[in-house]
N, C-alpha and C. Protein backbone atom coordinates (compact mmCIF):
# COMPACT_ATOMS: atom_id res chain seq x y z
N MET A 1 115.54 78.86 107.67
CA MET A 1 114.80 80.06 108.00
C MET A 1 115.35 80.69 109.26
N LYS A 2 115.63 79.85 110.27
CA LYS A 2 116.13 80.38 111.53
C LYS A 2 117.43 81.16 111.29
N ARG A 3 118.31 80.61 110.47
CA ARG A 3 119.57 81.30 110.18
C ARG A 3 119.34 82.65 109.52
N GLN A 4 118.41 82.68 108.56
CA GLN A 4 118.14 83.93 107.85
C GLN A 4 117.53 84.97 108.80
N MET A 5 116.60 84.56 109.67
CA MET A 5 115.98 85.47 110.61
C MET A 5 117.02 85.97 111.62
N LEU A 6 117.84 85.06 112.14
CA LEU A 6 118.86 85.47 113.09
C LEU A 6 119.92 86.34 112.43
N ALA A 7 120.23 86.07 111.16
CA ALA A 7 121.18 86.91 110.43
C ALA A 7 120.63 88.32 110.27
N SER A 8 119.34 88.44 109.98
CA SER A 8 118.71 89.76 109.86
C SER A 8 118.75 90.50 111.18
N LEU A 9 118.46 89.80 112.29
CA LEU A 9 118.52 90.42 113.60
C LEU A 9 119.95 90.81 113.96
N ALA A 10 120.91 89.97 113.58
CA ALA A 10 122.31 90.28 113.85
C ALA A 10 122.72 91.53 113.09
N LEU A 11 122.25 91.67 111.85
CA LEU A 11 122.58 92.84 111.06
C LEU A 11 121.99 94.09 111.70
N VAL A 12 120.73 94.03 112.09
CA VAL A 12 120.08 95.18 112.73
C VAL A 12 120.81 95.56 114.01
N THR A 13 121.11 94.56 114.84
CA THR A 13 121.81 94.82 116.09
C THR A 13 123.21 95.35 115.84
N GLY A 14 123.93 94.73 114.91
CA GLY A 14 125.29 95.15 114.59
C GLY A 14 125.35 96.56 114.06
N LEU A 15 124.44 96.93 113.18
CA LEU A 15 124.43 98.29 112.63
C LEU A 15 124.19 99.31 113.73
N GLY A 16 123.30 98.99 114.65
CA GLY A 16 123.01 99.91 115.74
C GLY A 16 124.20 100.08 116.67
N LEU A 17 124.90 99.00 116.95
CA LEU A 17 126.05 99.09 117.83
C LEU A 17 127.18 99.85 117.17
N LEU A 18 127.32 99.69 115.86
CA LEU A 18 128.36 100.43 115.15
C LEU A 18 128.04 101.91 115.09
N SER A 19 126.79 102.28 115.04
CA SER A 19 126.42 103.67 114.93
C SER A 19 126.50 104.38 116.28
N GLY A 20 126.57 103.65 117.39
CA GLY A 20 126.60 104.25 118.70
C GLY A 20 125.22 104.51 119.26
N LEU A 21 124.43 104.25 118.52
CA LEU A 21 123.06 104.54 118.97
C LEU A 21 122.16 103.32 119.62
N PRO A 22 92.90 97.51 128.78
CA PRO A 22 92.45 96.16 128.40
C PRO A 22 91.04 95.91 127.93
N ALA A 23 91.47 95.34 126.54
CA ALA A 23 90.15 94.87 126.08
C ALA A 23 89.61 93.78 127.02
N GLN A 24 88.31 93.65 127.13
CA GLN A 24 87.74 92.58 127.96
C GLN A 24 88.11 91.23 127.38
N ALA A 25 88.35 90.24 128.22
CA ALA A 25 88.67 88.90 127.76
C ALA A 25 87.57 88.34 126.87
N ALA A 26 86.33 88.64 127.19
CA ALA A 26 85.22 88.12 126.40
C ALA A 26 85.24 88.66 124.97
N THR A 27 85.85 89.82 124.74
CA THR A 27 85.92 90.39 123.40
C THR A 27 86.71 89.49 122.48
N VAL A 28 87.82 88.94 122.95
CA VAL A 28 88.65 88.06 122.15
C VAL A 28 88.24 86.61 122.34
N LEU A 29 87.95 86.23 123.54
CA LEU A 29 87.66 84.83 123.84
C LEU A 29 86.16 84.58 123.88
N GLY A 30 85.51 84.77 122.74
CA GLY A 30 84.07 84.53 122.63
C GLY A 30 83.79 83.06 122.40
N HIS A 31 82.77 82.79 121.61
CA HIS A 31 82.36 81.41 121.35
C HIS A 31 82.92 80.86 120.05
N THR A 32 83.50 81.71 119.23
CA THR A 32 84.07 81.27 117.96
C THR A 32 85.52 81.73 117.87
N PRO A 33 86.35 81.03 117.10
CA PRO A 33 87.74 81.45 116.93
C PRO A 33 87.83 82.84 116.30
N VAL A 34 88.87 83.57 116.66
CA VAL A 34 89.12 84.90 116.11
C VAL A 34 90.37 84.81 115.24
N HIS A 35 90.29 85.38 114.04
CA HIS A 35 91.44 85.39 113.14
C HIS A 35 91.98 86.82 113.03
N LEU A 36 93.30 86.96 113.20
CA LEU A 36 93.95 88.27 113.12
C LEU A 36 95.06 88.25 112.08
N GLU A 37 95.10 89.26 111.23
CA GLU A 37 96.20 89.49 110.29
C GLU A 37 96.89 90.75 110.79
N LEU A 38 98.14 90.61 111.21
CA LEU A 38 98.84 91.72 111.84
C LEU A 38 100.18 92.01 111.16
N ARG A 39 100.49 93.28 111.06
CA ARG A 39 101.82 93.71 110.61
C ARG A 39 102.68 93.84 111.87
N SER A 40 103.82 93.18 111.87
CA SER A 40 104.67 93.13 113.07
C SER A 40 106.00 93.82 112.84
N VAL A 41 106.47 94.47 113.89
CA VAL A 41 107.76 95.15 113.86
C VAL A 41 108.50 94.80 115.15
N MET A 42 109.74 94.31 115.00
CA MET A 42 110.63 94.07 116.14
C MET A 42 111.78 95.07 116.05
N THR A 43 112.01 95.78 117.13
CA THR A 43 113.13 96.73 117.15
C THR A 43 114.00 96.43 118.36
N SER A 44 115.29 96.53 118.15
CA SER A 44 116.25 96.31 119.23
C SER A 44 116.24 97.49 120.17
N ARG A 45 116.42 97.23 121.44
CA ARG A 45 116.53 98.31 122.41
C ARG A 45 117.95 98.87 122.44
N LEU A 46 118.90 98.17 121.78
CA LEU A 46 120.30 98.58 121.78
C LEU A 46 120.79 99.06 120.42
N ALA A 47 120.02 98.81 119.37
CA ALA A 47 120.52 99.07 118.02
C ALA A 47 119.49 99.85 117.19
N VAL A 48 119.93 100.27 116.04
CA VAL A 48 119.07 100.98 115.10
C VAL A 48 118.55 100.00 114.06
N GLY A 49 117.33 100.19 113.62
CA GLY A 49 116.75 99.32 112.60
C GLY A 49 115.61 98.51 113.16
N GLU A 50 114.97 97.75 112.28
CA GLU A 50 113.84 96.94 112.68
C GLU A 50 113.73 95.71 111.80
N LEU A 51 112.99 94.74 112.28
CA LEU A 51 112.69 93.53 111.52
C LEU A 51 111.18 93.49 111.34
N ASP A 52 110.73 93.59 110.10
CA ASP A 52 109.31 93.61 109.78
C ASP A 52 108.82 92.23 109.39
N GLY A 53 107.54 91.98 109.62
CA GLY A 53 106.94 90.72 109.23
C GLY A 53 105.44 90.78 109.29
N THR A 54 104.82 89.65 108.96
CA THR A 54 103.37 89.52 108.99
C THR A 54 103.02 88.35 109.90
N LEU A 55 102.07 88.58 110.75
CA LEU A 55 101.62 87.57 111.71
C LEU A 55 100.16 87.25 111.40
N SER A 56 99.88 85.99 111.16
CA SER A 56 98.52 85.52 110.90
C SER A 56 98.16 84.55 112.01
N LEU A 57 97.21 84.94 112.87
CA LEU A 57 96.89 84.15 114.07
C LEU A 57 95.42 83.75 114.11
N THR A 58 95.18 82.59 114.69
CA THR A 58 93.84 82.16 115.05
C THR A 58 93.85 81.94 116.56
N ILE A 59 92.90 82.58 117.23
CA ILE A 59 92.77 82.46 118.68
C ILE A 59 91.49 81.70 118.98
N ASP A 60 91.64 80.51 119.55
CA ASP A 60 90.49 79.68 119.90
C ASP A 60 89.80 80.24 121.14
N PRO A 61 88.52 79.93 121.34
CA PRO A 61 87.81 80.41 122.53
C PRO A 61 88.49 80.01 123.84
N SER A 62 89.26 78.92 123.83
CA SER A 62 89.96 78.48 125.04
C SER A 62 91.22 79.30 125.30
N GLY A 63 91.63 80.15 124.33
CA GLY A 63 92.83 80.96 124.50
C GLY A 63 94.04 80.44 123.76
N ILE A 64 93.94 79.27 123.16
CA ILE A 64 95.07 78.71 122.41
C ILE A 64 95.28 79.52 121.14
N VAL A 65 96.54 79.90 120.91
CA VAL A 65 96.91 80.70 119.74
C VAL A 65 97.75 79.84 118.81
N ARG A 66 97.43 79.88 117.52
CA ARG A 66 98.24 79.19 116.53
C ARG A 66 98.23 80.02 115.26
N GLY A 67 99.28 79.86 114.48
CA GLY A 67 99.33 80.61 113.24
C GLY A 67 100.69 80.53 112.57
N ILE A 68 100.95 81.55 111.74
CA ILE A 68 102.23 81.62 111.03
C ILE A 68 102.78 83.04 111.11
N TYR A 69 104.09 83.12 111.03
CA TYR A 69 104.80 84.40 110.98
C TYR A 69 105.67 84.37 109.73
N ARG A 70 105.65 85.46 108.99
CA ARG A 70 106.50 85.55 107.81
C ARG A 70 107.30 86.84 107.89
N PRO A 71 108.62 86.71 108.16
CA PRO A 71 109.46 87.91 108.14
C PRO A 71 109.53 88.44 106.71
N ALA A 72 109.75 89.74 106.57
CA ALA A 72 109.83 90.35 105.25
C ALA A 72 110.96 89.73 104.43
N THR A 73 111.95 89.13 105.09
CA THR A 73 113.12 88.60 104.39
C THR A 73 113.19 87.08 104.38
N GLY A 74 112.09 86.38 104.70
CA GLY A 74 112.22 84.93 104.78
C GLY A 74 110.94 84.18 104.53
N SER A 75 110.98 82.91 104.92
CA SER A 75 109.83 82.03 104.71
C SER A 75 109.00 81.93 105.98
N PHE A 76 107.90 81.19 105.90
CA PHE A 76 106.96 81.07 107.01
C PHE A 76 107.55 80.32 108.19
N GLU A 77 107.15 80.75 109.38
CA GLU A 77 107.50 80.08 110.64
C GLU A 77 106.21 79.80 111.40
N THR A 78 106.16 78.69 112.12
CA THR A 78 104.98 78.37 112.92
C THR A 78 104.94 79.26 114.16
N VAL A 79 103.71 79.50 114.63
CA VAL A 79 103.49 80.29 115.84
C VAL A 79 102.55 79.50 116.74
N THR A 80 102.91 79.39 117.99
CA THR A 80 102.03 78.81 119.00
C THR A 80 102.01 79.75 120.19
N GLY A 81 100.99 79.65 120.99
CA GLY A 81 100.92 80.52 122.16
C GLY A 81 99.62 80.38 122.91
N ASN A 82 99.37 81.36 123.77
CA ASN A 82 98.17 81.35 124.59
C ASN A 82 97.85 82.77 125.01
N THR A 83 96.57 83.01 125.28
CA THR A 83 96.13 84.32 125.77
C THR A 83 94.96 84.14 126.73
N ASP A 84 94.82 85.10 127.63
CA ASP A 84 93.64 85.15 128.48
C ASP A 84 92.72 86.28 128.02
N GLY A 85 93.02 86.85 126.85
CA GLY A 85 92.23 87.94 126.31
C GLY A 85 92.88 89.29 126.56
N GLN A 86 93.84 89.33 127.48
CA GLN A 86 94.58 90.56 127.76
C GLN A 86 96.07 90.32 127.63
N ARG A 87 96.58 89.36 128.36
CA ARG A 87 98.00 88.99 128.23
C ARG A 87 98.13 87.92 127.16
N ILE A 88 99.28 87.95 126.45
CA ILE A 88 99.51 86.97 125.40
C ILE A 88 100.98 86.59 125.37
N TRP A 89 101.26 85.34 125.07
CA TRP A 89 102.64 84.92 124.80
C TRP A 89 102.63 84.12 123.51
N LEU A 90 103.70 84.27 122.74
CA LEU A 90 103.84 83.57 121.47
C LEU A 90 105.23 82.98 121.36
N ASP A 91 105.32 81.78 120.82
CA ASP A 91 106.59 81.19 120.42
C ASP A 91 106.60 81.18 118.90
N ILE A 92 107.60 81.82 118.30
CA ILE A 92 107.72 81.90 116.85
C ILE A 92 108.91 81.04 116.44
N GLY A 93 108.67 80.11 115.52
CA GLY A 93 109.71 79.18 115.07
C GLY A 93 109.52 77.83 115.73
N SER A 94 109.96 76.79 115.06
CA SER A 94 109.73 75.43 115.54
C SER A 94 110.42 75.15 116.87
N GLY A 95 111.52 75.83 117.14
CA GLY A 95 112.22 75.64 118.41
C GLY A 95 112.00 76.78 119.37
N GLY A 96 110.96 77.59 119.14
CA GLY A 96 110.73 78.75 120.01
C GLY A 96 111.85 79.76 119.87
N ASP A 97 112.30 79.98 118.62
CA ASP A 97 113.42 80.90 118.35
C ASP A 97 113.16 82.29 118.88
N ILE A 98 111.89 82.71 118.84
CA ILE A 98 111.50 84.02 119.36
C ILE A 98 110.37 83.80 120.34
N ARG A 99 110.47 84.37 121.53
CA ARG A 99 109.40 84.30 122.54
C ARG A 99 108.90 85.72 122.76
N VAL A 100 107.62 85.93 122.51
CA VAL A 100 106.98 87.23 122.71
C VAL A 100 106.10 87.16 123.94
N ASN A 101 106.24 88.13 124.82
CA ASN A 101 105.36 88.30 125.98
C ASN A 101 104.79 89.70 125.90
N GLY A 102 103.46 89.81 125.95
CA GLY A 102 102.89 91.14 125.82
C GLY A 102 101.42 91.19 126.19
N THR A 103 100.79 92.23 125.68
CA THR A 103 99.36 92.43 125.91
C THR A 103 98.64 92.43 124.57
N LEU A 104 97.39 92.02 124.61
CA LEU A 104 96.53 91.99 123.43
C LEU A 104 95.36 92.92 123.71
N LYS A 105 95.26 93.97 122.90
CA LYS A 105 94.17 94.93 123.09
C LYS A 105 93.78 95.50 121.75
N ASP A 106 92.49 95.44 121.44
CA ASP A 106 91.94 96.00 120.20
C ASP A 106 92.67 95.50 118.96
N GLY A 107 92.99 94.21 118.92
CA GLY A 107 93.65 93.63 117.77
C GLY A 107 95.10 94.04 117.62
N ARG A 108 95.72 94.46 118.70
CA ARG A 108 97.13 94.91 118.69
C ARG A 108 97.89 94.17 119.79
N ILE A 109 99.08 93.69 119.44
CA ILE A 109 99.95 93.03 120.42
C ILE A 109 101.14 93.95 120.67
N THR A 110 101.38 94.25 121.92
CA THR A 110 102.51 95.09 122.30
C THR A 110 103.26 94.38 123.42
N GLY A 111 104.59 94.28 123.26
CA GLY A 111 105.36 93.61 124.31
C GLY A 111 106.83 93.53 123.97
N ASN A 112 107.46 92.52 124.53
CA ASN A 112 108.89 92.29 124.35
C ASN A 112 109.11 90.94 123.69
N ALA A 113 110.21 90.86 122.93
CA ALA A 113 110.58 89.61 122.28
C ALA A 113 111.99 89.24 122.70
N ASN A 114 112.14 88.01 123.14
CA ASN A 114 113.46 87.46 123.41
C ASN A 114 113.82 86.58 122.22
N VAL A 115 114.98 86.82 121.65
CA VAL A 115 115.40 86.09 120.46
C VAL A 115 116.55 85.17 120.84
N SER A 116 116.41 83.90 120.50
CA SER A 116 117.43 82.91 120.79
C SER A 116 118.79 83.35 120.26
N GLY A 117 119.80 83.33 121.12
CA GLY A 117 121.16 83.68 120.70
C GLY A 117 121.52 85.14 120.87
N PHE A 118 120.57 85.98 121.31
CA PHE A 118 120.84 87.40 121.51
C PHE A 118 120.66 87.78 122.97
N HIS A 119 121.46 88.71 123.43
CA HIS A 119 121.36 89.18 124.81
C HIS A 119 120.66 90.53 124.84
N ASP A 120 119.75 90.73 123.93
CA ASP A 120 119.02 91.98 123.80
C ASP A 120 117.54 91.67 123.99
N LEU A 121 116.81 92.62 124.49
CA LEU A 121 115.37 92.49 124.59
C LEU A 121 114.77 93.38 123.50
N PHE A 122 114.04 92.78 122.59
CA PHE A 122 113.47 93.50 121.46
C PHE A 122 112.07 93.99 121.79
N LYS A 123 111.73 95.17 121.32
CA LYS A 123 110.37 95.68 121.43
C LYS A 123 109.57 95.04 120.30
N PHE A 124 108.38 94.55 120.60
CA PHE A 124 107.54 93.86 119.61
C PHE A 124 106.18 94.54 119.56
N VAL A 125 105.78 94.96 118.35
CA VAL A 125 104.46 95.57 118.14
C VAL A 125 103.84 94.96 116.90
N SER A 126 102.62 94.49 117.03
CA SER A 126 101.84 93.97 115.89
C SER A 126 100.49 94.66 115.89
N LYS A 127 100.10 95.14 114.73
CA LYS A 127 98.77 95.76 114.63
C LYS A 127 98.14 95.38 113.31
N ARG A 128 96.84 95.57 113.25
CA ARG A 128 96.09 95.19 112.05
C ARG A 128 96.64 95.91 110.83
N ASN A 129 96.63 95.18 109.71
CA ASN A 129 97.10 95.76 108.44
C ASN A 129 96.23 96.91 107.99
């Protein structure tokens, strides 16, 4: 899976280079776990194109995040992370292949993604389906 995801990112990045181109914490961290189904898009800041996927997360009242990520072109990957109800970080893939740092507001995650093996910072946006 990691190879397929990295190959997709390499293709997106390569095509672009060739072309020349707060919600309150209590809202999320209540007394019961919160489940989010999000459509995710990663776009390179240096290239044209995007990598789409689906993010299914459970956020425990303590802020622990767990779930799965499924790229449009591949199989499921594990997701782990943490949030304080406003800031969020996620590790996608068993080896933390993708690290997302961002904000969580109104069921939407916005931030940056660092992808293992790339020297690019990807824009990461996830919102409810």
